[in-house]
Each structure stands twice: as C-alpha cells, then as structure tokens.
Protein backbone atom coordinates (compact mmCIF):
# COMPACT_ATOMS: atom_id res chain seq x y z
CA MET A 1 31.99 -24.43 -47.55
CA ALA A 2 32.79 -27.11 -45.31
CA GLU A 3 32.26 -25.92 -41.76
CA GLU A 4 30.73 -22.70 -40.81
CA TRP A 5 28.07 -21.49 -38.42
CA ILE A 6 24.86 -19.66 -39.49
CA ILE A 7 22.87 -17.05 -37.95
CA PRO A 8 19.20 -16.36 -38.92
CA THR A 9 16.54 -13.77 -38.19
CA GLN A 10 15.25 -16.32 -35.97
CA LEU A 11 15.42 -20.16 -35.39
CA PHE A 12 12.22 -22.56 -35.35
CA ASP A 13 13.48 -25.65 -32.59
CA ASN A 14 12.41 -28.13 -30.63
CA GLY A 15 8.59 -26.32 -30.36
CA ARG A 16 10.34 -22.72 -29.45
CA LEU A 17 11.13 -19.27 -31.69
CA GLN A 18 14.39 -17.97 -31.10
CA SER A 19 16.09 -14.76 -31.82
CA GLY A 20 19.86 -14.71 -31.53
CA MET A 21 21.04 -18.32 -32.21
CA ALA A 22 23.53 -19.73 -34.38
CA VAL A 23 23.71 -23.01 -36.05
CA HIS A 24 26.84 -24.80 -36.68
CA VAL A 25 27.19 -26.82 -39.45
CA ALA A 26 29.86 -28.55 -40.63
CA ALA A 27 29.67 -31.69 -43.88
CA GLY A 28 26.65 -30.50 -44.46
CA ARG A 29 25.31 -31.61 -41.29
CA VAL A 30 24.30 -29.28 -38.20
CA THR A 31 26.30 -30.15 -35.04
CA ASP A 32 25.63 -27.94 -32.65
CA LEU A 33 23.31 -24.60 -31.64
CA CYS A 34 24.11 -21.82 -29.81
CA ALA A 35 23.79 -18.19 -29.04
CA ALA A 36 24.72 -15.99 -31.97
CA ARG A 37 27.09 -14.21 -29.58
CA ALA A 38 28.93 -17.17 -28.42
CA VAL A 39 30.62 -17.99 -32.49
CA PRO A 40 33.91 -17.30 -31.92
CA ALA A 41 34.80 -14.33 -34.03
CA ASP A 42 37.35 -16.03 -36.48
CA VAL A 43 35.50 -18.90 -37.26
CA ALA A 44 33.24 -18.32 -40.66
CA ARG A 45 29.81 -16.57 -40.17
CA ARG A 46 26.83 -16.07 -42.55
CA ALA A 47 24.01 -14.05 -41.57
CA VAL A 48 20.48 -15.39 -43.28
CA ALA A 49 17.08 -13.39 -43.15
CA GLY A 50 14.37 -15.39 -42.04
CA VAL A 51 13.12 -18.45 -40.27
CA LEU A 52 15.17 -21.14 -39.72
CA THR A 53 13.07 -24.50 -39.11
CA PRO A 54 13.29 -28.57 -40.01
CA GLY A 55 11.10 -29.00 -42.87
CA PHE A 56 7.23 -30.01 -42.79
CA VAL A 57 6.29 -33.10 -41.37
CA ASP A 58 2.76 -34.00 -43.26
CA LEU A 59 0.74 -37.43 -41.75
CA GLN A 60 -1.85 -37.49 -44.44
CA VAL A 61 0.09 -37.10 -48.81
CA ASN A 62 -1.79 -39.31 -51.09
CA GLY A 63 -0.15 -37.77 -54.65
CA GLY A 64 2.05 -35.43 -55.96
CA GLY A 65 3.71 -34.63 -59.01
CA GLY A 66 0.91 -35.99 -61.13
CA VAL A 67 1.02 -39.60 -58.70
CA LEU A 68 -1.61 -40.61 -56.95
CA LEU A 69 -0.20 -43.40 -54.30
CA ASN A 70 -2.92 -46.22 -55.15
CA GLN A 71 -2.27 -45.95 -58.64
CA ALA A 72 1.46 -46.26 -58.61
CA PRO A 73 2.04 -48.52 -55.67
CA SER A 74 5.81 -48.79 -56.20
CA ALA A 75 8.93 -47.69 -54.72
CA ALA A 76 9.19 -44.89 -58.02
CA GLY A 77 5.97 -43.38 -57.54
CA LEU A 78 6.91 -43.43 -53.74
CA MET A 79 9.54 -41.04 -54.59
CA GLN A 80 8.17 -39.22 -57.06
CA ILE A 81 5.31 -37.75 -54.79
CA ALA A 82 7.91 -37.23 -51.86
CA ALA A 83 10.36 -35.38 -54.29
CA ALA A 84 7.31 -33.34 -55.27
CA HIS A 85 6.78 -32.22 -51.53
CA ARG A 86 10.01 -31.65 -50.95
CA ARG A 87 10.08 -28.52 -53.44
CA PHE A 88 7.35 -26.92 -51.17
CA GLY A 89 9.73 -27.66 -47.87
CA THR A 90 7.99 -31.22 -46.50
CA VAL A 91 11.20 -33.00 -45.77
CA ALA A 92 9.38 -36.10 -44.09
CA MET A 93 5.70 -37.09 -44.63
CA MET A 94 3.29 -40.83 -44.49
CA PRO A 95 2.65 -41.28 -48.29
CA THR A 96 -1.36 -42.65 -47.43
CA VAL A 97 -3.30 -44.95 -49.24
CA ILE A 98 -7.36 -44.59 -49.36
CA THR A 99 -9.63 -47.51 -49.68
CA ASP A 100 -9.22 -49.68 -52.52
CA ALA A 101 -8.87 -53.20 -53.21
CA PRO A 102 -6.61 -55.86 -51.13
CA ALA A 103 -3.62 -56.66 -53.74
CA VAL A 104 -3.64 -52.94 -53.71
CA LEU A 105 -2.85 -51.99 -50.23
CA ASP A 106 -0.36 -55.20 -50.15
CA LYS A 107 1.72 -53.27 -53.19
CA VAL A 108 1.76 -50.52 -51.42
CA ALA A 109 2.82 -52.21 -48.25
CA THR A 110 5.66 -53.98 -49.97
CA ALA A 111 6.82 -50.67 -51.74
CA VAL A 112 7.30 -48.70 -48.19
CA ILE A 113 9.00 -51.65 -46.88
CA ALA A 114 11.46 -52.06 -49.60
CA GLN A 115 12.33 -48.28 -49.03
CA GLN A 116 12.48 -48.95 -45.54
CA ALA A 117 15.06 -51.10 -46.13
CA LEU A 118 17.25 -48.64 -48.30
CA GLY A 119 18.13 -46.35 -45.25
CA GLY A 120 19.10 -42.85 -45.75
CA GLN A 121 17.57 -40.80 -48.31
CA GLY A 122 15.64 -42.93 -49.63
CA ARG A 123 14.04 -44.13 -46.85
CA LEU A 124 10.36 -43.59 -46.33
CA GLY A 125 9.78 -45.09 -43.15
CA ALA A 126 5.53 -44.44 -42.83
CA LEU A 127 2.54 -45.19 -44.29
CA HIS A 128 -1.32 -44.43 -43.47
CA ILE A 129 -3.78 -46.17 -44.39
CA GLU A 130 -7.14 -44.53 -44.36
CA GLY A 131 -9.50 -46.80 -44.55
CA PRO A 132 -11.75 -49.14 -45.42
CA HIS A 133 -12.98 -50.12 -42.11
CA ILE A 134 -15.04 -46.53 -42.32
CA ALA A 135 -18.69 -45.70 -42.66
CA ALA A 136 -21.01 -45.89 -46.00
CA ALA A 137 -22.35 -42.55 -45.32
CA ARG A 138 -19.22 -40.94 -44.34
CA ARG A 139 -17.06 -42.76 -47.31
CA GLY A 140 -16.75 -39.08 -49.50
CA THR A 141 -14.45 -40.25 -52.20
CA HIS A 142 -13.47 -43.70 -51.27
CA ALA A 143 -15.13 -46.12 -52.98
CA ALA A 144 -18.17 -48.51 -51.32
CA ALA A 145 -17.36 -51.30 -52.92
CA TYR A 146 -14.09 -51.80 -51.22
CA LEU A 147 -15.49 -51.24 -47.80
CA ARG A 148 -14.70 -53.95 -45.43
CA PRO A 149 -14.34 -55.26 -42.12
CA LEU A 150 -11.05 -55.38 -40.26
CA ASP A 151 -9.99 -58.97 -40.99
CA ASP A 152 -7.16 -60.90 -41.10
CA ALA A 153 -5.54 -59.80 -44.35
CA MET A 154 -5.45 -56.01 -43.40
CA LEU A 155 -3.88 -57.31 -40.01
CA GLN A 156 -1.24 -59.52 -41.70
CA ILE A 157 -0.02 -56.16 -43.52
CA LEU A 158 -0.08 -54.16 -40.56
CA HIS A 159 2.48 -56.82 -38.93
CA ARG A 160 4.25 -57.31 -42.10
CA LEU A 161 4.62 -53.49 -41.54
CA ARG A 162 5.75 -53.28 -38.32
CA ASP A 163 7.98 -56.10 -38.46
CA ALA A 164 9.49 -54.17 -41.02
CA ASP A 165 10.10 -51.16 -38.36
CA VAL A 166 7.37 -49.23 -40.60
CA THR A 167 5.64 -46.32 -38.41
CA VAL A 168 1.64 -46.94 -39.32
CA MET A 169 -1.06 -44.93 -39.34
CA ILE A 170 -4.53 -46.37 -40.08
CA THR A 171 -7.86 -44.30 -40.08
CA LEU A 172 -10.86 -46.03 -39.34
CA ALA A 173 -14.41 -45.33 -37.89
CA PRO A 174 -14.92 -46.12 -34.25
CA GLU A 175 -18.60 -48.06 -34.75
CA MET A 176 -17.12 -50.08 -37.45
CA VAL A 177 -14.69 -51.75 -34.91
CA THR A 178 -14.76 -52.57 -31.13
CA PRO A 179 -12.52 -50.95 -28.43
CA ASN A 180 -10.61 -54.44 -27.88
CA GLN A 181 -9.52 -54.34 -31.50
CA ILE A 182 -8.82 -50.84 -31.52
CA ALA A 183 -6.59 -52.01 -28.27
CA ALA A 184 -4.65 -54.77 -30.33
CA LEU A 185 -4.02 -52.22 -32.84
CA VAL A 186 -2.53 -49.50 -30.09
CA ASP A 187 -0.57 -53.11 -29.14
CA LEU A 188 0.96 -53.48 -32.01
CA GLY A 189 2.35 -50.39 -32.27
CA VAL A 190 0.38 -48.85 -34.89
CA ILE A 191 -1.11 -45.41 -34.49
CA VAL A 192 -4.98 -45.19 -34.58
CA SER A 193 -6.29 -42.17 -36.58
CA LEU A 194 -10.29 -41.99 -35.91
CA GLY A 195 -12.30 -40.43 -38.99
CA HIS A 196 -15.15 -41.37 -42.01
CA SER A 197 -17.11 -42.04 -39.23
CA GLU A 198 -20.57 -41.19 -37.92
CA ALA A 199 -19.48 -42.05 -34.80
CA THR A 200 -21.14 -40.83 -31.70
CA ALA A 201 -19.53 -38.73 -28.65
CA ALA A 202 -19.35 -41.62 -26.60
CA GLN A 203 -18.36 -44.14 -29.40
CA ALA A 204 -15.24 -41.71 -29.98
CA ASP A 205 -14.63 -41.86 -26.15
CA ALA A 206 -14.66 -45.36 -26.09
CA ALA A 207 -12.67 -45.60 -29.32
CA PHE A 208 -10.03 -43.13 -27.68
CA ALA A 209 -10.24 -44.88 -23.84
CA ALA A 210 -8.99 -47.74 -25.89
CA GLY A 211 -5.84 -46.19 -27.31
CA ALA A 212 -6.64 -44.38 -30.57
CA GLN A 213 -4.08 -41.17 -30.61
CA SER A 214 -5.10 -39.42 -33.20
CA VAL A 215 -8.18 -37.57 -35.71
CA THR A 216 -7.90 -37.50 -39.26
CA HIS A 217 -8.79 -34.26 -41.07
CA LEU A 218 -10.96 -32.90 -38.18
CA TYR A 219 -14.38 -31.52 -39.02
CA ASN A 220 -13.91 -33.70 -42.33
CA ALA A 221 -16.04 -36.85 -43.19
CA MET A 222 -17.22 -37.05 -39.76
CA SER A 223 -20.59 -36.80 -37.12
CA GLN A 224 -20.71 -33.04 -36.28
CA LEU A 225 -21.11 -31.00 -33.08
CA GLN A 226 -24.58 -30.02 -32.40
CA GLY A 227 -25.81 -28.83 -29.51
CA ARG A 228 -26.88 -31.99 -28.11
CA ALA A 229 -25.18 -34.30 -29.96
CA PRO A 230 -21.17 -33.79 -29.79
CA GLY A 231 -20.80 -36.31 -32.55
CA LEU A 232 -16.86 -37.38 -33.49
CA VAL A 233 -16.11 -33.50 -33.77
CA GLY A 234 -17.02 -32.81 -30.34
CA ALA A 235 -15.60 -35.48 -28.78
CA ALA A 236 -12.25 -35.02 -30.79
CA ILE A 237 -11.85 -31.82 -30.15
CA ASN A 238 -12.90 -32.32 -25.98
CA SER A 239 -10.00 -34.89 -26.40
CA ALA A 240 -6.53 -35.03 -25.59
CA ALA A 241 -5.64 -37.09 -28.98
CA TYR A 242 -3.91 -35.07 -31.43
CA LEU A 243 -6.28 -33.81 -34.51
CA GLY A 244 -5.22 -33.64 -38.27
CA ILE A 245 -6.68 -30.37 -39.94
CA ILE A 246 -6.64 -29.21 -43.65
CA CYS A 247 -5.90 -25.63 -43.70
CA ASP A 248 -7.10 -24.77 -47.82
CA GLY A 249 -9.39 -22.85 -46.74
CA VAL A 250 -12.00 -25.41 -48.73
CA HIS A 251 -12.06 -28.64 -46.33
CA VAL A 252 -12.86 -26.16 -43.11
CA ASP A 253 -13.80 -22.37 -43.13
CA ASP A 254 -10.79 -20.49 -41.43
CA ALA A 255 -12.85 -19.72 -38.39
CA MET A 256 -13.28 -23.25 -37.60
CA VAL A 257 -9.43 -23.90 -38.10
CA ALA A 258 -9.22 -21.06 -35.16
CA LEU A 259 -12.40 -22.19 -33.25
CA ALA A 260 -10.48 -25.68 -32.45
CA CYS A 261 -7.09 -24.73 -31.66
CA ARG A 262 -8.71 -22.11 -28.88
CA ALA A 263 -10.27 -24.76 -27.78
CA ARG A 264 -8.59 -27.89 -27.32
CA PRO A 265 -7.95 -28.82 -22.86
CA VAL A 266 -4.45 -30.03 -24.25
CA ALA A 267 -1.62 -27.46 -25.67
CA GLY A 268 -0.30 -28.88 -28.66
CA ARG A 269 -2.26 -31.31 -30.04
CA MET A 270 -3.35 -29.97 -33.57
CA VAL A 271 -2.01 -31.07 -36.22
CA LEU A 272 -1.60 -29.50 -39.89
CA VAL A 273 -2.34 -31.65 -43.25
CA SER A 274 -2.43 -31.94 -46.50
CA ASP A 275 -4.04 -34.49 -47.79
CA ALA A 276 -2.45 -33.30 -51.21
CA MET A 277 -3.47 -34.83 -54.45
CA PRO A 278 -1.31 -35.28 -57.94
CA THR A 279 -2.26 -32.05 -59.15
CA VAL A 280 0.55 -30.59 -56.26
CA GLY A 281 3.16 -30.50 -58.42
CA GLY A 282 1.31 -32.27 -61.60
CA PRO A 283 -1.39 -31.54 -63.66
CA ASP A 284 -5.19 -30.30 -62.78
CA HIS A 285 -6.77 -33.89 -63.00
CA PHE A 286 -5.93 -36.96 -62.36
CA ASP A 287 -8.26 -40.38 -62.33
CA LEU A 288 -9.15 -42.04 -58.84
CA TYR A 289 -11.27 -45.58 -59.34
CA GLY A 290 -11.58 -44.28 -63.26
CA GLN A 291 -13.51 -41.02 -62.82
CA ARG A 292 -11.97 -37.49 -63.56
CA ILE A 293 -11.25 -35.64 -60.59
CA ALA A 294 -10.48 -31.80 -61.55
CA LEU A 295 -9.13 -28.54 -59.93
CA ARG A 296 -11.88 -26.09 -59.83
CA ASP A 297 -11.55 -22.57 -58.62
CA GLY A 298 -9.05 -24.21 -55.98
CA ARG A 299 -11.00 -27.38 -55.41
CA LEU A 300 -10.66 -30.91 -56.41
CA VAL A 301 -14.11 -32.48 -57.26
CA ASN A 302 -15.19 -35.46 -58.80
CA ALA A 303 -18.35 -35.87 -62.05
CA GLU A 304 -20.57 -35.38 -58.42
CA GLY A 305 -19.06 -31.91 -57.54
CA ASN A 306 -17.81 -33.74 -54.11
CA LEU A 307 -14.51 -33.01 -52.49
CA ALA A 308 -11.64 -35.49 -53.59
CA GLY A 309 -8.99 -34.63 -51.44
CA ALA A 310 -6.83 -30.94 -51.72
CA HIS A 311 -4.64 -29.06 -53.91
CA SER A 312 -2.66 -28.08 -51.05
CA THR A 313 0.48 -27.84 -49.36
CA MET A 314 2.26 -27.82 -45.67
CA LEU A 315 3.94 -24.14 -47.15
CA TRP A 316 0.53 -23.11 -47.98
CA GLY A 317 -0.96 -24.76 -45.12
CA VAL A 318 0.96 -22.15 -42.57
CA GLN A 319 1.54 -19.35 -44.52
CA ARG A 320 -2.66 -19.74 -44.29
CA LEU A 321 -2.62 -20.35 -40.17
CA VAL A 322 -0.87 -17.11 -39.98
CA GLY A 323 -2.43 -14.85 -42.75
CA ARG A 324 -5.62 -15.81 -42.30
CA VAL A 325 -6.60 -17.81 -39.50
CA GLY A 326 -4.48 -15.44 -37.09
CA LEU A 327 -2.13 -18.04 -35.10
CA GLY A 328 1.58 -16.83 -34.07
CA LEU A 329 3.96 -17.71 -36.45
CA GLU A 330 5.26 -20.43 -33.71
CA GLN A 331 2.31 -21.74 -33.23
CA ALA A 332 1.76 -22.48 -36.78
CA LEU A 333 5.54 -24.32 -37.48
CA HIS A 334 4.08 -26.65 -33.69
CA MET A 335 1.32 -27.84 -36.11
CA ALA A 336 3.35 -28.36 -39.26
CA ILE A 337 6.53 -29.71 -37.74
CA SER A 338 6.67 -30.63 -33.76
CA ALA A 339 3.34 -32.33 -33.23
CA PRO A 340 3.38 -34.66 -36.58
CA ALA A 341 6.76 -35.09 -35.48
CA ALA A 342 5.22 -36.31 -31.35
CA LEU A 343 3.02 -38.08 -32.73
CA LEU A 344 4.87 -40.12 -34.98
CA GLY A 345 7.31 -40.91 -32.24
CA GLN A 346 9.77 -39.22 -33.95
CA PRO A 347 10.61 -36.10 -32.05
CA HIS A 348 14.24 -35.69 -34.16
CA LEU A 349 11.86 -34.38 -36.94
CA GLY A 350 10.97 -31.61 -35.18
CA ARG A 351 14.82 -30.46 -34.19
CA ILE A 352 17.49 -29.17 -35.90
CA THR A 353 20.87 -30.58 -34.37
CA GLY A 354 21.80 -33.68 -36.43
CA ARG A 355 19.70 -32.56 -39.63
CA ARG A 356 21.26 -32.56 -43.00
CA ILE A 357 21.03 -29.21 -43.89
CA GLU A 358 18.70 -30.00 -47.00
CA ASP A 359 16.12 -31.07 -44.08
CA LEU A 360 15.80 -27.59 -43.06
CA VAL A 361 13.29 -24.34 -44.78
CA LEU A 362 14.35 -20.87 -44.75
CA LEU A 363 11.14 -19.03 -44.69
CA ASP A 364 11.12 -14.68 -45.53
CA ASP A 365 8.96 -12.51 -43.96
CA ALA A 366 6.25 -13.75 -46.39
CA LEU A 367 6.67 -17.23 -45.35
CA ALA A 368 7.69 -17.74 -49.02
CA LEU A 369 11.01 -20.19 -49.33
CA GLN A 370 14.43 -19.07 -49.61
CA PRO A 371 17.33 -20.58 -50.33
CA LEU A 372 19.68 -21.80 -47.98
CA SER A 373 23.03 -22.33 -49.89
CA ALA A 374 26.43 -21.39 -49.21
CA ASN A 375 25.53 -18.17 -51.48
CA SER A 376 22.57 -17.36 -49.91
CA GLY A 377 22.93 -14.47 -46.98
CA HIS A 378 25.97 -12.57 -45.95
CA ASP A 379 29.22 -13.40 -44.50
CA ILE A 380 30.23 -11.53 -41.15
CA ALA A 381 33.77 -10.23 -40.74
C-alpha cells in the first residue's frame, strides 16, 4: 500500500512516549503525525499492537556479524557490522575502532569517508575512535604496544574525517592530554569522551571545562568512586556530560546503573551503548591482537579472563533497563535513542517524521521486535 495511517498502541517520538497517535506513511516514509481521532474515516488505516519508535542509536559498536572493525577496516566490513545490528533494531551507529597500529586507523577512516560519500542507505557518517591516547593502567583489553600520545598523525586523520563531514568521537584519558588539546579537538568539531583513565576528579573536571562532552562506558576502565577520592566515576556522575553505559548485567551491576541514572544533575544525559563485538549475529569467538576472545556464560573474555567488549545489543539493553534496572520505558528509550542523537547533534534520529519505514521499530509488550510490514496489524474499517 503506497499510503496509509498506522495507529500503534503507543508512540515514542522526540523523547516522549504517547498514546492515541497516528503516523502517516507515503511512499515508504513518514510524512506526518497526528492524534488518531483526527485521522479521516475514508483513508487507509492500520492498527498495530505495541510501541512504535525510531530505531536505536548506538555510539559504541566494535563489531557484529562475525566482523571486528579493527580486522576489517573496509566498506564491506562496515556494512556487515551495520547489517548485523539492524536485525536487532539499531538503525544508526558509530562503528568503533579501538587502539591499534596507526595504519589500521588510517584504513578505517578511509573506509568511513568512502561510505559517507555514498549518501542514502549506505551512509554511516560517523566513527568512534577509542584510544590510543589512554592510560596504560586502565587499558583493559587494548594492546599496550599501541598506546601513544596525541600526535600530528592523529590530528591529520581527525581533520580528514571532519573535512568529509564525518561525525567523530574520540575516547581519551584526560591525564594523557592537556585541556588546551581537548579544547582544540572540540573546536574541530570532535566529540571528546573521557575513558580508560586513572584521572582524578580534578583532572576530569578540567577536561569537562575544556569541552569534553561525554564519558565512555561509565564505571568500566576508569578510576572508581571513593569517599575521599571521587575519581572519574564521581566526576562524571556529577557532571552535565553525556555518560555512556553498558547494560548487559556483566559490565555494570544493575543497581549501579540505577544509581547513576538517579544521581545525574541534568536529566536525559545517560546514554545506553552496546560495546558490541563480532559475536552479535556471529560465531561465539573471534581474534583480537592475535588472541582468541571467547563467549563464556554471556561474557566475552580473553585468555587471562579479562572482559573484551560485550556480547550485547541495544535491544537487550533496553529490555534490561526496564525489566531489571527498573526504569520506565520512556526513560529507557530516551537513553537508547534521544540522548545519543542529541550528543551527536542529530536530533532527527530521535524523531519519527521524515524517517523511512525501515528505520522504525515496533516493540511488543515484552519489548521484543515485531514486524512492521504492510500485512502486520489489522485494517480499521
């Protein structure tokens, strides 16, 4: 059907969960929203059970579909990762390259710029660079051999990406750079995120004052919260920055997720991320820096038993935020859609109007994905 009104049980749009709304679809794209009662009686209408929402926005995706970006720094690798996560409702993402040899980052940047030039469905338009300017003591699974100071080579890559209008996030440890360097990155249009850091709260506060906008996977790989030493965790929770957090029941205890969500001084600044690895939509193992990473009891671990990314999706995170952490669905969807869209400076990703029908997600009462095809739901006479 070329044109119809879809009437879901609930609609999540622009940060709000609403009932009694209708969505006008023409030529496969949403053109309008209105109250369901205002839809004319003589047009095609279809009721669907569930919550209709824009697809998820994931700011930290290392891999998927059996592909690790560091090992497949190509257009084909990027698209395979994106396709694996689209199956689970993620329609916008920041492919993430972790600490590696400079040549790897250069290849990833070239591939992302090429995808950006495609436009349309092939356009990713974003890259998260996690490391290499991080603290050795908090490197986690990042290879120590590739850690290095912020240098001209990195600046050249960042300029290439921004000149191509690619949205860039870089995770760095604030103690490894100066506030002036952070300010220069922000002036370039780079989203600076703090992480993999032993920073004191004072160092973190200085980084926020210099323009750092975000924190990468709160609680993990950073100086912890203590009574007389707030560390990066305490400084982050007290800040107005956007805080990425993994909600898989492995990286962060559900009670600590709830604590951070309640404690923020500015509402709406918590961001759900997956930190997903190739096992999402792929086999139960992969190689990283020549080591086998295996999925064991829901945990991705290396030979030493250290966590190495997550076997998780945004969908699973939303389900856990509601079912285990105890957040309302509106807040959970805000963390998975509206907040990351705002951090990216792309608020349209949190809105229904103007979106392709394929970029929308329908969730049932159990928050499982349901099809939104023309033959789902039922016509209203």
